Amino acid sequence: MTSFADHLAADRRLALLRTLRDLDGHANESVLLDGLHLLGHIRTTGDDVRADLDLLKAAGAITDSYFAAKVRVAHLTERGIDIAVGRIVIDGVKRPKVIG
């Protein structure tokens, strides 16, 4: 059985992918954290975002790079888009609801 914390984390990861999609596929950790807060994930920390990006990177949903060797920038992949829209389902990321 999935805990509520696991459910929130899966929803947060879907929100990260959707936020990246809305930002033309690229954003840094700080922008992503602000976006999550605006979407209601108000208790999310920078550590949460970093861990989520690590999971998404391992799943092939994002790649990353570093600006000035300090600022992590996430880049959405085609696989990440497929996950965000529900064409691919992976453990740890909420499947979006299909309307219609």
N, C-alpha and C. Protein backbone atom coordinates (compact mmCIF):
# COMPACT_ATOMS: atom_id res chain seq x y z
N MET A 1 0.84 -1.19 0.00
CA MET A 1 0.00 0.00 0.00
C MET A 1 0.89 1.25 0.00
N THR A 2 0.49 2.21 -0.78
CA THR A 2 1.23 3.45 -0.91
C THR A 2 0.87 4.42 0.20
N SER A 3 1.87 5.05 0.78
CA SER A 3 1.61 6.03 1.82
C SER A 3 1.18 7.35 1.19
N PHE A 4 0.61 8.22 1.99
CA PHE A 4 0.22 9.54 1.50
C PHE A 4 1.44 10.33 1.06
N ALA A 5 2.56 10.18 1.77
CA ALA A 5 3.80 10.86 1.39
C ALA A 5 4.27 10.39 0.01
N ASP A 6 4.15 9.10 -0.26
CA ASP A 6 4.52 8.57 -1.57
C ASP A 6 3.61 9.14 -2.66
N HIS A 7 2.32 9.24 -2.35
CA HIS A 7 1.35 9.81 -3.29
C HIS A 7 1.71 11.27 -3.61
N LEU A 8 2.04 12.03 -2.58
CA LEU A 8 2.42 13.44 -2.79
C LEU A 8 3.70 13.56 -3.62
N ALA A 9 4.66 12.69 -3.35
CA ALA A 9 5.92 12.73 -4.10
C ALA A 9 5.67 12.40 -5.57
N ALA A 10 4.83 11.42 -5.85
CA ALA A 10 4.52 11.06 -7.23
C ALA A 10 3.81 12.21 -7.94
N ASP A 11 2.90 12.88 -7.25
CA ASP A 11 2.21 14.04 -7.82
C ASP A 11 3.19 15.18 -8.07
N ARG A 12 4.11 15.38 -7.14
CA ARG A 12 5.11 16.44 -7.27
C ARG A 12 6.00 16.20 -8.49
N ARG A 13 6.37 14.96 -8.73
CA ARG A 13 7.22 14.64 -9.89
C ARG A 13 6.48 14.87 -11.20
N LEU A 14 5.19 14.52 -11.23
CA LEU A 14 4.39 14.83 -12.42
C LEU A 14 4.33 16.34 -12.62
N ALA A 15 4.14 17.08 -11.54
CA ALA A 15 4.10 18.54 -11.62
C ALA A 15 5.43 19.10 -12.13
N LEU A 16 6.55 18.52 -11.73
CA LEU A 16 7.85 18.96 -12.24
C LEU A 16 7.93 18.78 -13.75
N LEU A 17 7.51 17.61 -14.24
CA LEU A 17 7.56 17.36 -15.68
C LEU A 17 6.65 18.32 -16.44
N ARG A 18 5.46 18.55 -15.91
CA ARG A 18 4.54 19.47 -16.58
C ARG A 18 5.06 20.91 -16.55
N THR A 19 5.69 21.29 -15.45
CA THR A 19 6.26 22.63 -15.35
C THR A 19 7.39 22.79 -16.36
N LEU A 20 8.24 21.79 -16.48
CA LEU A 20 9.29 21.85 -17.48
C LEU A 20 8.71 21.96 -18.89
N ARG A 21 7.66 21.21 -19.15
CA ARG A 21 7.02 21.28 -20.47
C ARG A 21 6.50 22.69 -20.73
N ASP A 22 5.89 23.29 -19.72
CA ASP A 22 5.34 24.64 -19.87
C ASP A 22 6.43 25.70 -20.03
N LEU A 23 7.64 25.40 -19.57
CA LEU A 23 8.77 26.34 -19.65
C LEU A 23 9.70 25.98 -20.82
N ASP A 24 9.13 25.47 -21.88
CA ASP A 24 9.89 25.11 -23.09
C ASP A 24 10.98 24.08 -22.82
N GLY A 25 10.78 23.27 -21.78
CA GLY A 25 11.66 22.14 -21.54
C GLY A 25 12.88 22.37 -20.69
N HIS A 26 13.07 23.59 -20.17
CA HIS A 26 14.28 23.89 -19.41
C HIS A 26 13.97 24.79 -18.22
N ALA A 27 14.53 24.47 -17.05
CA ALA A 27 14.39 25.34 -15.88
C ALA A 27 15.41 24.92 -14.82
N ASN A 28 15.79 25.89 -13.98
CA ASN A 28 16.71 25.56 -12.90
C ASN A 28 15.92 25.14 -11.65
N GLU A 29 16.63 24.59 -10.68
CA GLU A 29 15.99 24.07 -9.46
C GLU A 29 15.16 25.12 -8.74
N SER A 30 15.65 26.34 -8.68
CA SER A 30 14.95 27.39 -7.96
C SER A 30 13.61 27.72 -8.62
N VAL A 31 13.62 27.82 -9.94
CA VAL A 31 12.38 28.10 -10.67
C VAL A 31 11.40 26.94 -10.49
N LEU A 32 11.90 25.72 -10.54
CA LEU A 32 11.03 24.55 -10.35
C LEU A 32 10.44 24.53 -8.95
N LEU A 33 11.24 24.86 -7.94
CA LEU A 33 10.74 24.92 -6.57
C LEU A 33 9.63 25.96 -6.45
N ASP A 34 9.84 27.14 -7.02
CA ASP A 34 8.80 28.17 -6.99
C ASP A 34 7.53 27.70 -7.68
N GLY A 35 7.69 27.02 -8.81
CA GLY A 35 6.53 26.49 -9.53
C GLY A 35 5.77 25.47 -8.70
N LEU A 36 6.48 24.60 -8.02
CA LEU A 36 5.80 23.61 -7.16
C LEU A 36 5.04 24.30 -6.04
N HIS A 37 5.62 25.31 -5.45
CA HIS A 37 4.93 26.06 -4.39
C HIS A 37 3.64 26.68 -4.93
N LEU A 38 3.71 27.25 -6.12
CA LEU A 38 2.52 27.85 -6.74
C LEU A 38 1.45 26.81 -7.04
N LEU A 39 1.87 25.58 -7.29
CA LEU A 39 0.92 24.50 -7.59
C LEU A 39 0.40 23.80 -6.33
N GLY A 40 0.76 24.31 -5.16
CA GLY A 40 0.22 23.76 -3.93
C GLY A 40 1.14 22.84 -3.16
N HIS A 41 2.31 22.56 -3.67
CA HIS A 41 3.28 21.72 -2.95
C HIS A 41 4.12 22.63 -2.07
N ILE A 42 3.44 23.25 -1.10
CA ILE A 42 4.05 24.32 -0.32
C ILE A 42 5.13 23.85 0.66
N ARG A 43 5.12 22.58 1.02
CA ARG A 43 6.13 22.07 1.95
C ARG A 43 7.33 21.47 1.25
N THR A 44 7.37 21.58 -0.06
CA THR A 44 8.49 21.05 -0.84
C THR A 44 9.75 21.86 -0.57
N THR A 45 10.87 21.17 -0.42
CA THR A 45 12.15 21.82 -0.17
C THR A 45 13.07 21.66 -1.38
N GLY A 46 14.16 22.38 -1.36
CA GLY A 46 15.18 22.22 -2.40
C GLY A 46 15.71 20.80 -2.44
N ASP A 47 15.86 20.17 -1.28
CA ASP A 47 16.31 18.78 -1.23
C ASP A 47 15.32 17.86 -1.93
N ASP A 48 14.02 18.12 -1.75
CA ASP A 48 12.99 17.32 -2.43
C ASP A 48 13.14 17.45 -3.94
N VAL A 49 13.31 18.68 -4.41
CA VAL A 49 13.45 18.92 -5.85
C VAL A 49 14.68 18.20 -6.39
N ARG A 50 15.80 18.29 -5.69
CA ARG A 50 17.02 17.61 -6.14
C ARG A 50 16.82 16.10 -6.20
N ALA A 51 16.19 15.52 -5.18
CA ALA A 51 15.94 14.08 -5.16
C ALA A 51 14.98 13.68 -6.29
N ASP A 52 13.96 14.51 -6.52
CA ASP A 52 13.01 14.21 -7.60
C ASP A 52 13.70 14.29 -8.96
N LEU A 53 14.54 15.29 -9.14
CA LEU A 53 15.26 15.40 -10.41
C LEU A 53 16.20 14.21 -10.61
N ASP A 54 16.81 13.74 -9.53
CA ASP A 54 17.66 12.55 -9.62
C ASP A 54 16.85 11.34 -10.10
N LEU A 55 15.66 11.15 -9.53
CA LEU A 55 14.80 10.04 -9.93
C LEU A 55 14.38 10.18 -11.39
N LEU A 56 13.98 11.39 -11.78
CA LEU A 56 13.54 11.62 -13.16
C LEU A 56 14.70 11.45 -14.14
N LYS A 57 15.89 11.82 -13.73
CA LYS A 57 17.06 11.62 -14.59
C LYS A 57 17.34 10.13 -14.76
N ALA A 58 17.29 9.38 -13.68
CA ALA A 58 17.52 7.93 -13.74
C ALA A 58 16.48 7.24 -14.64
N ALA A 59 15.27 7.81 -14.71
CA ALA A 59 14.20 7.25 -15.53
C ALA A 59 14.29 7.72 -16.99
N GLY A 60 15.23 8.61 -17.28
CA GLY A 60 15.37 9.12 -18.64
C GLY A 60 14.39 10.22 -19.00
N ALA A 61 13.70 10.77 -18.00
CA ALA A 61 12.71 11.82 -18.23
C ALA A 61 13.34 13.20 -18.40
N ILE A 62 14.53 13.37 -17.83
CA ILE A 62 15.25 14.63 -17.95
C ILE A 62 16.74 14.33 -18.14
N THR A 63 17.43 15.35 -18.61
CA THR A 63 18.88 15.41 -18.50
C THR A 63 19.16 16.66 -17.69
N ASP A 64 20.40 16.86 -17.29
CA ASP A 64 20.70 18.09 -16.56
C ASP A 64 22.06 18.63 -16.96
N SER A 65 22.25 19.89 -16.66
CA SER A 65 23.52 20.56 -16.87
C SER A 65 23.69 21.55 -15.73
N TYR A 66 24.87 22.11 -15.64
CA TYR A 66 25.14 23.06 -14.56
C TYR A 66 25.62 24.37 -15.15
N PHE A 67 25.00 25.46 -14.71
CA PHE A 67 25.41 26.80 -15.11
C PHE A 67 26.40 27.30 -14.07
N ALA A 68 27.53 27.79 -14.51
CA ALA A 68 28.57 28.31 -13.62
C ALA A 68 28.97 27.29 -12.56
N ALA A 69 28.87 26.02 -12.92
CA ALA A 69 29.24 24.90 -12.04
C ALA A 69 28.47 24.87 -10.72
N LYS A 70 27.37 25.62 -10.63
CA LYS A 70 26.61 25.68 -9.37
C LYS A 70 25.12 25.45 -9.56
N VAL A 71 24.55 26.01 -10.60
CA VAL A 71 23.11 26.02 -10.76
C VAL A 71 22.69 24.87 -11.67
N ARG A 72 21.94 23.93 -11.11
CA ARG A 72 21.48 22.79 -11.88
C ARG A 72 20.29 23.19 -12.74
N VAL A 73 20.37 22.85 -14.01
CA VAL A 73 19.30 23.13 -14.96
C VAL A 73 18.79 21.79 -15.48
N ALA A 74 17.49 21.58 -15.39
CA ALA A 74 16.86 20.36 -15.89
C ALA A 74 16.37 20.59 -17.31
N HIS A 75 16.52 19.56 -18.13
CA HIS A 75 16.10 19.60 -19.53
C HIS A 75 15.17 18.42 -19.78
N LEU A 76 13.96 18.69 -20.19
CA LEU A 76 12.96 17.66 -20.44
C LEU A 76 13.31 16.87 -21.71
N THR A 77 13.20 15.56 -21.63
CA THR A 77 13.45 14.70 -22.79
C THR A 77 12.11 14.30 -23.43
N GLU A 78 12.19 13.67 -24.59
CA GLU A 78 10.97 13.16 -25.23
C GLU A 78 10.29 12.14 -24.32
N ARG A 79 11.08 11.31 -23.66
CA ARG A 79 10.52 10.34 -22.72
C ARG A 79 9.81 11.06 -21.58
N GLY A 80 10.39 12.15 -21.11
CA GLY A 80 9.75 12.94 -20.06
C GLY A 80 8.40 13.49 -20.50
N ILE A 81 8.33 13.95 -21.74
CA ILE A 81 7.04 14.42 -22.28
C ILE A 81 6.04 13.28 -22.30
N ASP A 82 6.49 12.11 -22.76
CA ASP A 82 5.60 10.94 -22.80
C ASP A 82 5.08 10.58 -21.41
N ILE A 83 5.92 10.70 -20.41
CA ILE A 83 5.50 10.42 -19.03
C ILE A 83 4.51 11.49 -18.56
N ALA A 84 4.79 12.74 -18.88
CA ALA A 84 3.94 13.85 -18.44
C ALA A 84 2.53 13.76 -19.01
N VAL A 85 2.39 13.21 -20.20
CA VAL A 85 1.07 13.13 -20.83
C VAL A 85 0.43 11.75 -20.67
N GLY A 86 1.13 10.82 -20.03
CA GLY A 86 0.56 9.52 -19.74
C GLY A 86 0.77 8.44 -20.77
N ARG A 87 1.60 8.69 -21.79
CA ARG A 87 1.88 7.65 -22.79
C ARG A 87 2.82 6.58 -22.22
N ILE A 88 3.64 6.97 -21.27
CA ILE A 88 4.53 6.04 -20.56
C ILE A 88 4.24 6.20 -19.07
N VAL A 89 4.17 5.08 -18.37
CA VAL A 89 3.94 5.09 -16.93
C VAL A 89 5.18 4.52 -16.25
N ILE A 90 5.68 5.23 -15.24
CA ILE A 90 6.82 4.74 -14.46
C ILE A 90 6.48 4.82 -12.98
N ASP A 91 7.11 3.95 -12.22
CA ASP A 91 6.94 3.98 -10.77
C ASP A 91 7.48 5.29 -10.22
N GLY A 92 6.74 5.87 -9.29
CA GLY A 92 7.20 7.08 -8.62
C GLY A 92 6.71 8.37 -9.24
N VAL A 93 6.02 8.27 -10.39
CA VAL A 93 5.46 9.46 -11.03
C VAL A 93 3.97 9.20 -11.26
N LYS A 94 3.15 10.09 -10.77
CA LYS A 94 1.70 9.96 -10.91
C LYS A 94 1.32 9.96 -12.39
N ARG A 95 0.41 9.11 -12.75
CA ARG A 95 -0.12 9.10 -14.11
C ARG A 95 -1.17 10.20 -14.21
N PRO A 96 -1.07 11.04 -15.24
CA PRO A 96 -2.07 12.11 -15.36
C PRO A 96 -3.44 11.54 -15.70
N LYS A 97 -4.47 12.25 -15.27
CA LYS A 97 -5.83 11.85 -15.62
C LYS A 97 -6.10 12.25 -17.06
N VAL A 98 -6.70 11.36 -17.79
CA VAL A 98 -7.08 11.64 -19.15
C VAL A 98 -8.52 12.10 -19.15
N ILE A 99 -8.74 13.30 -19.70
CA ILE A 99 -10.09 13.87 -19.72
C ILE A 99 -10.62 13.77 -21.14
N GLY A 100 -11.87 13.32 -21.22
CA GLY A 100 -12.50 13.26 -22.55
C GLY A 100 -12.81 11.93 -22.92
